[in-house]
Amino acid sequence: MASLAGPHKTLKIITKAPTRIDLAGGTVDIWPIYLFLDRPLTLNLGIDLVAEATLEVSETSNSGGVLLRSDDQNQESRLNWSDIETAKAHPALDLHLRLLRHFSKAAQDRLGLPALHKLDLSLKTRARSPAGAGLGGSSTLNVAITGALASWAWDRPFDPLVDGEKLIEISRDVETTVIHVPAGLQDYYGAMFGGLQSLNWGAGVHRREWLPQDILTELEPRVLLFYSGQSRNSGINNWLLFKNFIDDQSQVRDRFRAIAKATHEVQSALIKKDWKAVGTAIRQEWDTRKTLAPGISTAEMDVAFAKAREIAPDSAAKICGAGGGGCFFIYLPESDESVRNATRTKIQDEFVKLGLRPLPFKAMPRGLEIQVMRT
């Protein structure tokens, strides 16, 4: 379209994307690590600690401008269109600016430069996941922003099942210019598609599928999520693991192979609904993962994991993301709902005493949602 449908008309796009709990197989999703592994696999679960983006675009009769705002970081920046290519942004808005810079080129091709510069554009975001939680929050925010900007710039119906893989490539590449280290892939897939996903990484193509809804439904009440209160930087941890893997230091490659094997065992147990075996395989994955590098686990998490095993000997525990703080989950295989609920309550009460914050969640069976309104 050449305009938004007439002078002083407004386009409003609201997007929402889920964060994820990585059940097993994290870090194997970083290129080229997965190319060195046999059947590299990641399993994750989309949850409703969502990231949201609101994009509003209106035509003006004079020069327009850009407002970028992060509500949860309480940061905003106002820019002229002519400054988009050279402007610097606060770190909380750097991703916003770089994604706008990318998609404004497509908008300029469609509208023309004079028409683009007569638009007022407002991009506001909000993230429900705590900062540095290890739930893929920055990548989820990325996908929410990307979905909004692509819907505006491309001006066509957007279907994640059709366009999702392409937008993941854009999201990944732009975010890499922000964090300055290789970016893993699973966070984008969790945000774009949601649900309980099996992600198989390969050369030139990745194969993803949702595990059946009934498995997700039975898994959800078995997972308890907690925030340690300690923010972490996945870029730093992932870069250390990436470097050690490429250099093949301290048998890191063998440990990644063991992680991939344990992840397949988690998937096999999930498909069979062998809930005790799921816990055993998650423990195997974590026991290997925490040896990848110093600082992946923390003293506080070690205490919490031991307390959970004391309360529920068959439970399993694992950090979310790269470790060094952030979130972790406790998995309870118990099939008796009343016993499991009593155990959940006891663990939550004990963890609160340890200064840990429960994060209630609901699973999201699908990913990125986009609502487009014209007024």
Protein backbone atom coordinates (compact mmCIF):
# COMPACT_ATOMS: atom_id res chain seq x y z
CA MET A 1 0.00 0.00 0.00
CA ALA A 2 1.19 3.56 -0.66
CA SER A 3 -0.23 4.96 2.58
CA LEU A 4 -1.88 3.87 5.79
CA ALA A 5 -5.30 4.49 4.22
CA GLY A 6 -5.41 8.25 4.24
CA PRO A 7 -4.05 11.25 6.15
CA HIS A 8 -3.89 11.08 9.95
CA LYS A 9 -4.86 7.39 9.97
CA THR A 10 -3.25 5.09 12.51
CA LEU A 11 -1.97 1.55 12.26
CA LYS A 12 -1.63 -0.29 15.57
CA ILE A 13 0.03 -3.68 15.89
CA ILE A 14 0.21 -5.60 19.17
CA THR A 15 2.36 -8.72 19.45
CA LYS A 16 2.93 -11.22 22.23
CA ALA A 17 5.50 -14.03 22.39
CA PRO A 18 6.20 -16.69 25.03
CA THR A 19 9.46 -17.23 26.86
CA ARG A 20 10.63 -20.81 27.33
CA ILE A 21 11.85 -23.33 29.85
CA ASP A 22 14.66 -25.35 28.29
CA LEU A 23 14.00 -28.84 29.57
CA ALA A 24 17.14 -30.37 28.06
CA GLY A 25 19.65 -29.84 25.28
CA GLY A 26 20.40 -26.15 25.70
CA THR A 27 23.60 -24.71 24.18
CA VAL A 28 23.77 -27.43 21.51
CA ASP A 29 21.68 -24.98 19.46
CA ILE A 30 24.65 -22.66 18.79
CA TRP A 31 26.22 -22.80 15.33
CA PRO A 32 28.47 -24.68 14.60
CA ILE A 33 28.35 -26.75 17.81
CA TYR A 34 25.39 -28.82 16.59
CA LEU A 35 27.29 -29.76 13.42
CA PHE A 36 29.82 -31.71 15.52
CA LEU A 37 27.20 -33.74 17.41
CA ASP A 38 25.24 -36.86 16.57
CA ARG A 39 21.49 -36.07 16.44
CA PRO A 40 21.68 -32.74 18.31
CA LEU A 41 18.37 -32.05 20.01
CA THR A 42 16.82 -29.41 22.26
CA LEU A 43 13.52 -29.70 24.13
CA ASN A 44 11.76 -26.60 25.41
CA LEU A 45 8.39 -25.51 26.73
CA GLY A 46 6.75 -22.17 25.87
CA ILE A 47 5.35 -20.34 28.91
CA ASP A 48 3.22 -17.27 29.53
CA LEU A 49 5.91 -14.98 30.98
CA VAL A 50 5.53 -13.17 27.69
CA ALA A 51 7.19 -10.28 25.93
CA GLU A 52 4.87 -7.75 24.30
CA ALA A 53 5.40 -5.08 21.68
CA THR A 54 3.01 -2.31 20.63
CA LEU A 55 3.74 -0.53 17.37
CA GLU A 56 1.72 2.53 16.36
CA VAL A 57 2.24 4.32 13.07
CA SER A 58 0.36 7.43 11.95
CA GLU A 59 0.68 9.81 9.03
CA THR A 60 1.48 13.47 9.59
CA SER A 61 1.38 16.47 7.33
CA ASN A 62 4.88 17.50 8.39
CA SER A 63 8.05 15.72 9.47
CA GLY A 64 7.45 12.60 11.53
CA GLY A 65 9.62 10.95 14.13
CA VAL A 66 10.30 7.82 16.14
CA LEU A 67 9.67 6.97 19.79
CA LEU A 68 11.30 3.86 21.24
CA ARG A 69 10.33 2.82 24.77
CA SER A 70 10.98 -0.10 27.11
CA ASP A 71 8.34 0.04 29.85
CA ASP A 72 9.96 -2.54 32.13
CA GLN A 73 13.37 -0.84 31.83
CA ASN A 74 11.81 2.64 32.05
CA GLN A 75 13.87 3.91 29.13
CA GLU A 76 12.82 5.81 26.04
CA SER A 77 14.41 7.60 23.12
CA ARG A 78 13.04 10.02 20.52
CA LEU A 79 14.70 10.13 17.11
CA ASN A 80 14.34 11.75 13.72
CA TRP A 81 14.01 9.40 10.77
CA SER A 82 17.12 10.93 9.25
CA ASP A 83 19.14 9.79 12.29
CA ILE A 84 18.05 6.14 12.31
CA GLU A 85 21.17 4.86 10.54
CA THR A 86 23.68 6.64 12.78
CA ALA A 87 21.89 7.05 16.13
CA LYS A 88 23.08 5.38 19.32
CA ALA A 89 20.61 4.03 21.85
CA HIS A 90 20.56 3.17 25.53
CA PRO A 91 21.45 -0.55 25.95
CA ALA A 92 17.81 -1.27 26.87
CA LEU A 93 16.77 0.13 23.46
CA ASP A 94 19.67 -0.99 21.29
CA LEU A 95 17.77 -4.02 19.97
CA HIS A 96 14.68 -1.88 19.27
CA LEU A 97 16.77 0.55 17.21
CA ARG A 98 18.67 -2.09 15.25
CA LEU A 99 15.50 -3.96 14.33
CA LEU A 100 13.79 -0.73 13.28
CA ARG A 101 16.85 0.11 11.20
CA HIS A 102 16.54 -3.26 9.45
CA PHE A 103 12.81 -3.13 8.72
CA SER A 104 12.69 0.56 7.84
CA LYS A 105 14.57 -0.33 4.64
CA ALA A 106 11.68 -2.53 3.51
CA ALA A 107 9.18 0.16 4.54
CA GLN A 108 11.15 2.75 2.57
CA ASP A 109 11.12 0.52 -0.54
CA ARG A 110 7.35 0.18 -0.23
CA LEU A 111 6.40 3.75 0.73
CA GLY A 112 9.26 5.85 -0.60
CA LEU A 113 11.59 7.95 1.53
CA PRO A 114 9.46 11.16 1.65
CA ALA A 115 6.38 9.24 2.83
CA LEU A 116 8.40 7.29 5.41
CA HIS A 117 9.77 10.50 6.90
CA LYS A 118 6.21 11.83 7.37
CA LEU A 119 5.30 8.97 9.70
CA ASP A 120 5.12 9.11 13.47
CA LEU A 121 6.20 5.70 14.74
CA SER A 122 6.01 4.54 18.34
CA LEU A 123 7.45 1.20 19.44
CA LYS A 124 6.84 0.25 23.08
CA THR A 125 7.73 -3.02 24.74
CA ARG A 126 7.16 -4.82 28.01
CA ALA A 127 8.74 -8.07 29.25
CA ARG A 128 7.17 -10.15 32.04
CA SER A 129 10.24 -12.33 32.53
CA PRO A 130 12.76 -11.01 35.09
CA ALA A 131 15.91 -9.54 33.54
CA GLY A 132 18.66 -12.12 33.20
CA ALA A 133 16.29 -14.97 34.11
CA GLY A 134 17.63 -17.48 31.59
CA LEU A 135 14.21 -17.93 30.00
CA GLY A 136 15.25 -16.52 26.64
CA GLY A 137 13.69 -13.15 27.47
CA SER A 138 15.84 -10.99 25.20
CA SER A 139 15.24 -13.26 22.20
CA THR A 140 11.54 -13.41 23.02
CA LEU A 141 11.40 -9.62 23.10
CA ASN A 142 13.28 -9.70 19.80
CA VAL A 143 10.64 -11.95 18.22
CA ALA A 144 7.81 -9.77 19.53
CA ILE A 145 9.43 -6.63 18.07
CA THR A 146 10.31 -8.39 14.82
CA GLY A 147 6.75 -9.62 14.37
CA ALA A 148 5.37 -6.10 14.83
CA LEU A 149 7.90 -4.40 12.55
CA ALA A 150 7.64 -7.06 9.83
CA SER A 151 3.84 -6.77 9.79
CA TRP A 152 4.19 -3.02 9.28
CA ALA A 153 7.10 -3.02 6.85
CA TRP A 154 5.86 -5.88 4.68
CA ASP A 155 2.18 -4.83 4.94
CA ARG A 156 0.73 -8.28 4.48
CA PRO A 157 -0.87 -10.96 6.63
CA PHE A 158 1.74 -12.60 8.79
CA ASP A 159 1.68 -16.31 9.63
CA PRO A 160 4.43 -17.64 11.94
CA LEU A 161 4.05 -21.09 10.37
CA VAL A 162 4.87 -19.57 6.97
CA ASP A 163 7.18 -16.68 7.83
CA GLY A 164 8.57 -17.82 11.18
CA GLU A 165 11.80 -19.41 9.96
CA LYS A 166 12.72 -16.31 7.95
CA LEU A 167 12.02 -14.00 10.87
CA ILE A 168 14.09 -16.22 13.15
CA GLU A 169 17.07 -15.70 10.83
CA ILE A 170 16.58 -11.93 10.98
CA SER A 171 16.08 -11.93 14.75
CA ARG A 172 19.17 -14.06 15.34
CA ASP A 173 21.45 -12.01 13.10
CA VAL A 174 20.33 -8.64 14.46
CA GLU A 175 20.61 -9.78 18.09
CA THR A 176 24.12 -11.10 17.44
CA THR A 177 25.17 -7.54 16.55
CA VAL A 178 23.87 -6.47 19.98
CA ILE A 179 25.41 -9.18 22.19
CA HIS A 180 28.60 -9.53 20.08
CA VAL A 181 28.83 -13.32 20.52
CA PRO A 182 27.21 -16.26 18.68
CA ALA A 183 23.50 -16.58 19.42
CA GLY A 184 21.77 -19.88 20.02
CA LEU A 185 18.58 -20.73 18.17
CA GLN A 186 16.20 -22.36 20.63
CA ASP A 187 15.00 -19.12 22.25
CA TYR A 188 13.72 -17.80 18.92
CA TYR A 189 11.91 -21.06 18.18
CA GLY A 190 10.35 -21.06 21.62
CA ALA A 191 9.08 -17.52 21.11
CA MET A 192 7.97 -18.01 17.51
CA PHE A 193 6.17 -21.35 17.90
CA GLY A 194 5.61 -22.02 21.63
CA GLY A 195 4.32 -25.35 22.91
CA LEU A 196 6.39 -28.35 23.91
CA GLN A 197 8.92 -28.44 21.10
CA SER A 198 11.42 -30.98 19.84
CA LEU A 199 14.12 -29.08 17.94
CA ASN A 200 16.51 -31.11 15.80
CA TRP A 201 19.46 -29.06 14.54
CA GLY A 202 21.06 -29.87 11.18
CA ALA A 203 23.22 -28.60 8.34
CA GLY A 204 21.25 -26.06 6.34
CA VAL A 205 17.90 -27.02 7.80
CA HIS A 206 16.40 -27.55 11.25
CA ARG A 207 13.48 -29.84 11.95
CA ARG A 208 10.99 -28.86 14.63
CA GLU A 209 7.82 -30.47 15.86
CA TRP A 210 5.36 -30.05 18.70
CA LEU A 211 5.07 -33.01 21.01
CA PRO A 212 1.40 -33.97 21.49
CA GLN A 213 -0.81 -31.66 23.55
CA ASP A 214 -1.68 -34.37 26.05
CA ILE A 215 2.01 -34.73 26.97
CA LEU A 216 2.27 -30.97 27.49
CA THR A 217 -0.86 -31.01 29.65
CA GLU A 218 0.52 -33.74 31.91
CA LEU A 219 4.02 -32.22 32.03
CA GLU A 220 2.96 -28.69 33.03
CA PRO A 221 1.90 -29.41 36.65
CA ARG A 222 5.11 -31.39 37.20
CA VAL A 223 7.37 -28.37 36.61
CA LEU A 224 8.00 -25.68 39.25
CA LEU A 225 9.86 -22.55 38.17
CA PHE A 226 11.91 -20.33 40.48
CA TYR A 227 13.98 -17.16 40.12
CA SER A 228 17.21 -17.06 42.09
CA GLY A 229 17.25 -13.26 42.27
CA GLN A 230 20.65 -13.27 40.58
CA SER A 231 20.73 -11.93 37.03
CA ARG A 232 23.05 -13.67 34.60
CA ASN A 233 24.61 -12.91 31.23
CA SER A 234 24.08 -15.75 28.76
CA GLY A 235 26.41 -14.15 26.22
CA ILE A 236 29.39 -14.51 28.54
CA ASN A 237 28.66 -18.10 29.57
CA ASN A 238 27.77 -19.24 26.07
CA TRP A 239 30.91 -17.65 24.63
CA LEU A 240 33.08 -19.54 27.13
CA LEU A 241 31.37 -22.81 26.27
CA PHE A 242 31.58 -22.03 22.54
CA LYS A 243 35.31 -21.32 22.74
CA ASN A 244 36.03 -24.40 24.86
CA PHE A 245 34.03 -26.56 22.45
CA ILE A 246 35.86 -25.30 19.36
CA ASP A 247 39.21 -25.68 21.14
CA ASP A 248 38.06 -29.08 22.49
CA GLN A 249 39.28 -28.19 25.96
CA SER A 250 38.68 -30.40 29.01
CA GLN A 251 36.70 -32.97 27.00
CA VAL A 252 33.93 -30.43 26.46
CA ARG A 253 32.85 -32.08 23.21
CA ASP A 254 32.37 -35.42 24.97
CA ARG A 255 30.22 -33.68 27.57
CA PHE A 256 28.09 -32.08 24.87
CA ARG A 257 27.61 -35.50 23.32
CA ALA A 258 26.44 -36.78 26.70
CA ILE A 259 24.00 -33.85 26.94
CA ALA A 260 22.61 -34.67 23.49
CA LYS A 261 22.20 -38.33 24.47
CA ALA A 262 20.41 -37.44 27.72
CA THR A 263 18.11 -35.08 25.81
CA HIS A 264 17.02 -37.91 23.52
CA GLU A 265 16.31 -39.96 26.63
CA VAL A 266 14.15 -37.14 28.00
CA GLN A 267 12.20 -37.03 24.74
CA SER A 268 11.75 -40.79 24.60
CA ALA A 269 10.47 -40.85 28.18
CA LEU A 270 8.09 -37.94 27.50
CA ILE A 271 6.60 -39.72 24.51
CA LYS A 272 6.08 -42.85 26.63
CA LYS A 273 4.78 -40.72 29.54
CA ASP A 274 7.30 -42.50 31.73
CA TRP A 275 7.45 -39.62 34.19
CA LYS A 276 10.02 -41.21 36.47
CA ALA A 277 12.34 -41.82 33.52
CA VAL A 278 11.88 -38.17 32.46
CA GLY A 279 13.26 -37.11 35.83
CA THR A 280 16.18 -39.54 35.62
CA ALA A 281 17.16 -38.20 32.18
CA ILE A 282 16.85 -34.54 33.27
CA ARG A 283 19.18 -35.31 36.19
CA GLN A 284 21.65 -36.93 33.79
CA GLU A 285 21.56 -33.85 31.55
CA TRP A 286 22.12 -31.52 34.51
CA ASP A 287 24.86 -33.65 36.08
CA THR A 288 26.81 -33.31 32.82
CA ARG A 289 25.90 -29.69 32.11
CA LYS A 290 27.15 -28.35 35.44
CA THR A 291 30.65 -29.73 34.64
CA LEU A 292 30.94 -27.79 31.36
CA ALA A 293 32.46 -24.70 32.99
CA PRO A 294 32.89 -23.14 36.44
CA GLY A 295 30.00 -21.04 37.68
CA ILE A 296 27.17 -22.69 35.74
CA SER A 297 25.61 -23.68 39.04
CA THR A 298 25.66 -21.42 42.10
CA ALA A 299 25.95 -22.19 45.79
CA GLU A 300 22.34 -21.07 46.31
CA MET A 301 21.08 -23.37 43.56
CA ASP A 302 23.09 -26.31 44.92
CA VAL A 303 21.42 -25.83 48.30
CA ALA A 304 17.98 -25.56 46.69
CA PHE A 305 18.49 -28.67 44.55
CA ALA A 306 19.62 -30.68 47.57
CA LYS A 307 16.59 -29.48 49.54
CA ALA A 308 14.25 -30.53 46.71
CA ARG A 309 15.80 -34.02 46.64
CA GLU A 310 15.42 -34.22 50.41
CA ILE A 311 11.70 -33.44 50.12
CA ALA A 312 11.12 -35.45 46.92
CA PRO A 313 13.88 -38.03 46.26
CA ASP A 314 12.69 -38.71 42.70
CA SER A 315 12.67 -35.02 41.74
CA ALA A 316 15.04 -33.48 39.22
CA ALA A 317 16.39 -29.96 38.94
CA LYS A 318 18.11 -27.92 36.25
CA ILE A 319 19.05 -24.32 35.56
CA CYS A 320 17.38 -22.43 32.73
CA GLY A 321 19.65 -20.96 30.08
CA ALA A 322 23.40 -20.69 30.45
CA GLY A 323 23.50 -20.69 34.25
CA GLY A 324 25.39 -18.53 36.69
CA GLY A 325 22.13 -17.27 38.18
CA GLY A 326 18.69 -16.63 36.76
CA CYS A 327 15.94 -19.24 36.88
CA PHE A 328 15.83 -22.95 37.50
CA PHE A 329 13.09 -25.55 37.55
CA ILE A 330 12.20 -28.48 39.76
CA TYR A 331 10.59 -31.48 38.10
CA LEU A 332 8.27 -33.79 40.06
CA PRO A 333 7.48 -37.19 38.51
CA GLU A 334 4.79 -38.09 41.07
CA SER A 335 1.59 -39.27 39.33
CA ASP A 336 -0.72 -38.91 42.33
CA GLU A 337 -2.01 -35.36 41.95
CA SER A 338 -2.76 -34.81 45.64
CA VAL A 339 0.68 -36.03 46.69
CA ARG A 340 2.32 -33.95 43.98
CA ASN A 341 0.44 -30.81 45.01
CA ALA A 342 1.45 -31.28 48.64
CA THR A 343 5.06 -31.70 47.55
CA ARG A 344 4.87 -28.59 45.38
CA THR A 345 3.62 -26.56 48.33
CA LYS A 346 6.32 -27.88 50.64
CA ILE A 347 9.10 -27.15 48.14
CA GLN A 348 7.77 -23.65 47.45
CA ASP A 349 7.55 -22.87 51.16
CA GLU A 350 11.12 -24.06 51.77
CA PHE A 351 12.47 -22.18 48.77
CA VAL A 352 10.83 -18.94 49.86
CA LYS A 353 12.67 -19.32 53.15
CA LEU A 354 15.88 -19.55 51.10
CA GLY A 355 15.05 -16.23 49.40
CA LEU A 356 13.99 -17.80 46.11
CA ARG A 357 11.03 -16.46 44.16
CA PRO A 358 8.40 -18.83 42.74
CA LEU A 359 7.35 -17.94 39.18
CA PRO A 360 3.90 -19.42 38.50
CA PHE A 361 3.31 -20.02 34.81
CA LYS A 362 0.98 -21.55 32.29
CA ALA A 363 2.19 -23.37 29.22
CA MET A 364 1.51 -21.64 25.90
CA PRO A 365 0.71 -24.23 23.22
CA ARG A 366 1.47 -21.77 20.41
CA GLY A 367 3.90 -18.93 19.92
CA LEU A 368 3.93 -15.41 18.48
CA GLU A 369 0.51 -13.73 18.37
CA ILE A 370 -0.12 -10.67 16.20
CA GLN A 371 -3.09 -8.30 16.28
CA VAL A 372 -3.37 -5.61 13.60
CA MET A 373 -5.81 -2.69 13.89
CA ARG A 374 -6.38 0.26 11.57
CA THR A 375 -8.27 3.33 12.70
